[in-house]
Amino acid sequence: MILGLVVPGERFAVSSVSPSYSNHRYPVEVISHGVWLYFRFPLK
C-alpha cells in the first residue's frame, strides 16, 4: 500500500513503507480506509 501526504504549497511526498499496526485489532486495509474516509468526508 502506498500512502501520500499532501502539504499545501509543496509537492506531495509518497512513501512506499506500510504503516505498522501490529498491536491493533483490525487489518491495515481497514484502518487505512477508515482514515481515508475521515479526511475525505469531514463531519462539520
PDB file of N, CA and C in Angstrom:
ATOM      1  N   MET A   1       0.843  -1.172   0.000  1.00  0.00           N
ATOM      2  CA  MET A   1       0.000   0.000   0.000  1.00  0.00           C
ATOM      3  C   MET A   1       0.884   1.229   0.000  1.00  0.00           C
ATOM      4  N   ILE A   2       0.508   2.206  -0.794  1.00  0.00           N
ATOM      5  CA  ILE A   2       1.271   3.439  -0.878  1.00  0.00           C
ATOM      6  C   ILE A   2       0.427   4.562  -0.311  1.00  0.00           C
ATOM      7  N   LEU A   3       0.992   5.272   0.642  1.00  0.00           N
ATOM      8  CA  LEU A   3       0.294   6.379   1.270  1.00  0.00           C
ATOM      9  C   LEU A   3       1.008   7.674   0.930  1.00  0.00           C
ATOM     10  N   GLY A   4       0.263   8.756   0.805  1.00  0.00           N
ATOM     11  CA  GLY A   4       0.876  10.038   0.497  1.00  0.00           C
ATOM     12  C   GLY A   4       0.365  11.115   1.429  1.00  0.00           C
ATOM     13  N   LEU A   5       1.148  12.177   1.550  1.00  0.00           N
ATOM     14  CA  LEU A   5       0.782  13.308   2.380  1.00  0.00           C
ATOM     15  C   LEU A   5       0.843  14.542   1.501  1.00  0.00           C
ATOM     16  N   VAL A   6      -0.253  15.291   1.450  1.00  0.00           N
ATOM     17  CA  VAL A   6      -0.301  16.487   0.624  1.00  0.00           C
ATOM     18  C   VAL A   6      -0.186  17.697   1.527  1.00  0.00           C
ATOM     19  N   VAL A   7       0.816  18.528   1.267  1.00  0.00           N
ATOM     20  CA  VAL A   7       1.042  19.755   2.018  1.00  0.00           C
ATOM     21  C   VAL A   7       0.776  20.919   1.077  1.00  0.00           C
ATOM     22  N   PRO A   8      -0.127  21.847   1.451  1.00  0.00           N
ATOM     23  CA  PRO A   8      -0.428  22.973   0.561  1.00  0.00           C
ATOM     24  C   PRO A   8       0.832  23.770   0.223  1.00  0.00           C
ATOM     25  N   GLY A   9       0.989  24.083  -1.053  1.00  0.00           N
ATOM     26  CA  GLY A   9       2.117  24.885  -1.490  1.00  0.00           C
ATOM     27  C   GLY A   9       3.390  24.097  -1.740  1.00  0.00           C
ATOM     28  N   GLU A  10       3.379  22.813  -1.503  1.00  0.00           N
ATOM     29  CA  GLU A  10       4.565  21.985  -1.715  1.00  0.00           C
ATOM     30  C   GLU A  10       4.186  20.747  -2.512  1.00  0.00           C
ATOM     31  N   ARG A  11       5.177  20.114  -3.051  1.00  0.00           N
ATOM     32  CA  ARG A  11       4.957  18.840  -3.734  1.00  0.00           C
ATOM     33  C   ARG A  11       4.595  17.791  -2.693  1.00  0.00           C
ATOM     34  N   PHE A  12       3.844  16.791  -3.111  1.00  0.00           N
ATOM     35  CA  PHE A  12       3.466  15.757  -2.157  1.00  0.00           C
ATOM     36  C   PHE A  12       4.506  14.651  -2.140  1.00  0.00           C
ATOM     37  N   ALA A  13       4.705  14.102  -0.952  1.00  0.00           N
ATOM     38  CA  ALA A  13       5.664  13.018  -0.766  1.00  0.00           C
ATOM     39  C   ALA A  13       4.907  11.696  -0.725  1.00  0.00           C
ATOM     40  N   VAL A  14       5.409  10.714  -1.431  1.00  0.00           N
ATOM     41  CA  VAL A  14       4.786   9.395  -1.441  1.00  0.00           C
ATOM     42  C   VAL A  14       5.732   8.425  -0.763  1.00  0.00           C
ATOM     43  N   SER A  15       5.198   7.702   0.179  1.00  0.00           N
ATOM     44  CA  SER A  15       6.003   6.729   0.911  1.00  0.00           C
ATOM     45  C   SER A  15       5.503   5.337   0.569  1.00  0.00           C
ATOM     46  N   SER A  16       6.424   4.434   0.267  1.00  0.00           N
ATOM     47  CA  SER A  16       6.032   3.064  -0.038  1.00  0.00           C
ATOM     48  C   SER A  16       6.142   2.169   1.183  1.00  0.00           C
ATOM     49  N   VAL A  17       6.427   2.748   2.333  1.00  0.00           N
ATOM     50  CA  VAL A  17       6.550   1.982   3.567  1.00  0.00           C
ATOM     51  C   VAL A  17       5.164   1.848   4.183  1.00  0.00           C
ATOM     52  N   SER A  18       4.745   0.621   4.435  1.00  0.00           N
ATOM     53  CA  SER A  18       3.444   0.388   5.043  1.00  0.00           C
ATOM     54  C   SER A  18       3.503   0.716   6.536  1.00  0.00           C
ATOM     55  N   PRO A  19       2.453   1.326   7.057  1.00  0.00           N
ATOM     56  CA  PRO A  19       2.435   1.607   8.489  1.00  0.00           C
ATOM     57  C   PRO A  19       2.331   0.312   9.286  1.00  0.00           C
ATOM     58  N   SER A  20       2.867   0.327  10.480  1.00  0.00           N
ATOM     59  CA  SER A  20       2.843  -0.860  11.325  1.00  0.00           C
ATOM     60  C   SER A  20       1.692  -0.754  12.323  1.00  0.00           C
ATOM     61  N   TYR A  21       0.762  -1.683  12.242  1.00  0.00           N
ATOM     62  CA  TYR A  21      -0.356  -1.743  13.174  1.00  0.00           C
ATOM     63  C   TYR A  21      -0.340  -3.105  13.875  1.00  0.00           C
ATOM     64  N   SER A  22       0.810  -3.507  14.367  1.00  0.00           N
ATOM     65  CA  SER A  22       0.973  -4.857  14.908  1.00  0.00           C
ATOM     66  C   SER A  22       0.119  -5.125  16.144  1.00  0.00           C
ATOM     67  N   ASN A  23      -0.167  -4.112  16.954  1.00  0.00           N
ATOM     68  CA  ASN A  23      -0.946  -4.339  18.179  1.00  0.00           C
ATOM     69  C   ASN A  23      -2.398  -3.907  18.043  1.00  0.00           C
ATOM     70  N   HIS A  24      -2.884  -3.740  16.823  1.00  0.00           N
ATOM     71  CA  HIS A  24      -4.258  -3.317  16.613  1.00  0.00           C
ATOM     72  C   HIS A  24      -5.142  -4.502  16.224  1.00  0.00           C
ATOM     73  N   ARG A  25      -6.434  -4.338  16.456  1.00  0.00           N
ATOM     74  CA  ARG A  25      -7.392  -5.409  16.243  1.00  0.00           C
ATOM     75  C   ARG A  25      -7.742  -5.635  14.783  1.00  0.00           C
ATOM     76  N   TYR A  26      -7.696  -4.569  13.973  1.00  0.00           N
ATOM     77  CA  TYR A  26      -8.147  -4.647  12.589  1.00  0.00           C
ATOM     78  C   TYR A  26      -6.965  -4.636  11.625  1.00  0.00           C
ATOM     79  N   PRO A  27      -7.144  -5.193  10.425  1.00  0.00           N
ATOM     80  CA  PRO A  27      -6.061  -5.201   9.434  1.00  0.00           C
ATOM     81  C   PRO A  27      -5.727  -3.793   8.934  1.00  0.00           C
ATOM     82  N   VAL A  28      -4.558  -3.650   8.354  1.00  0.00           N
ATOM     83  CA  VAL A  28      -4.075  -2.361   7.854  1.00  0.00           C
ATOM     84  C   VAL A  28      -5.041  -1.762   6.837  1.00  0.00           C
ATOM     85  N   GLU A  29      -5.625  -2.580   5.977  1.00  0.00           N
ATOM     86  CA  GLU A  29      -6.532  -2.075   4.952  1.00  0.00           C
ATOM     87  C   GLU A  29      -7.756  -1.409   5.564  1.00  0.00           C
ATOM     88  N   VAL A  30      -8.298  -1.979   6.629  1.00  0.00           N
ATOM     89  CA  VAL A  30      -9.485  -1.423   7.273  1.00  0.00           C
ATOM     90  C   VAL A  30      -9.146  -0.102   7.950  1.00  0.00           C
ATOM     91  N   ILE A  31      -8.029  -0.038   8.644  1.00  0.00           N
ATOM     92  CA  ILE A  31      -7.612   1.190   9.324  1.00  0.00           C
ATOM     93  C   ILE A  31      -7.316   2.284   8.294  1.00  0.00           C
ATOM     94  N   SER A  32      -6.605   1.938   7.232  1.00  0.00           N
ATOM     95  CA  SER A  32      -6.269   2.922   6.203  1.00  0.00           C
ATOM     96  C   SER A  32      -7.522   3.462   5.518  1.00  0.00           C
ATOM     97  N   HIS A  33      -8.482   2.601   5.250  1.00  0.00           N
ATOM     98  CA  HIS A  33      -9.720   3.048   4.622  1.00  0.00           C
ATOM     99  C   HIS A  33     -10.508   3.952   5.567  1.00  0.00           C
ATOM    100  N   GLY A  34     -10.524   3.626   6.840  1.00  0.00           N
ATOM    101  CA  GLY A  34     -11.192   4.474   7.823  1.00  0.00           C
ATOM    102  C   GLY A  34     -10.561   5.855   7.918  1.00  0.00           C
ATOM    103  N   VAL A  35      -9.239   5.927   7.876  1.00  0.00           N
ATOM    104  CA  VAL A  35      -8.534   7.212   7.902  1.00  0.00           C
ATOM    105  C   VAL A  35      -8.844   8.000   6.633  1.00  0.00           C
ATOM    106  N   TRP A  36      -8.870   7.317   5.482  1.00  0.00           N
ATOM    107  CA  TRP A  36      -9.200   7.981   4.224  1.00  0.00           C
ATOM    108  C   TRP A  36     -10.614   8.563   4.281  1.00  0.00           C
ATOM    109  N   LEU A  37     -11.572   7.780   4.788  1.00  0.00           N
ATOM    110  CA  LEU A  37     -12.944   8.268   4.903  1.00  0.00           C
ATOM    111  C   LEU A  37     -13.027   9.466   5.845  1.00  0.00           C
ATOM    112  N   TYR A  38     -12.275   9.438   6.936  1.00  0.00           N
ATOM    113  CA  TYR A  38     -12.284  10.522   7.916  1.00  0.00           C
ATOM    114  C   TYR A  38     -11.839  11.840   7.288  1.00  0.00           C
ATOM    115  N   PHE A  39     -10.791  11.788   6.461  1.00  0.00           N
ATOM    116  CA  PHE A  39     -10.298  13.010   5.836  1.00  0.00           C
ATOM    117  C   PHE A  39     -11.057  13.374   4.561  1.00  0.00           C
ATOM    118  N   ARG A  40     -11.604  12.392   3.883  1.00  0.00           N
ATOM    119  CA  ARG A  40     -12.338  12.660   2.638  1.00  0.00           C
ATOM    120  C   ARG A  40     -13.700  13.273   2.895  1.00  0.00           C
ATOM    121  N   PHE A  41     -14.402  12.820   3.930  1.00  0.00           N
ATOM    122  CA  PHE A  41     -15.747  13.302   4.257  1.00  0.00           C
ATOM    123  C   PHE A  41     -15.774  13.829   5.684  1.00  0.00           C
ATOM    124  N   PRO A  42     -15.241  15.038   5.893  1.00  0.00           N
ATOM    125  CA  PRO A  42     -15.219  15.588   7.251  1.00  0.00           C
ATOM    126  C   PRO A  42     -16.636  15.876   7.765  1.00  0.00           C
ATOM    127  N   LEU A  43     -16.864  15.589   9.006  1.00  0.00           N
ATOM    128  CA  LEU A  43     -18.158  15.855   9.648  1.00  0.00           C
ATOM    129  C   LEU A  43     -18.054  17.183  10.389  1.00  0.00           C
ATOM    130  N   LYS A  44     -18.655  18.194   9.808  1.00  0.00           N
ATOM    131  CA  LYS A  44     -18.568  19.533  10.411  1.00  0.00           C
ATOM    132  C   LYS A  44     -19.813  19.851  11.173  1.00  0.00           C
TER     133      LYS A  44
END
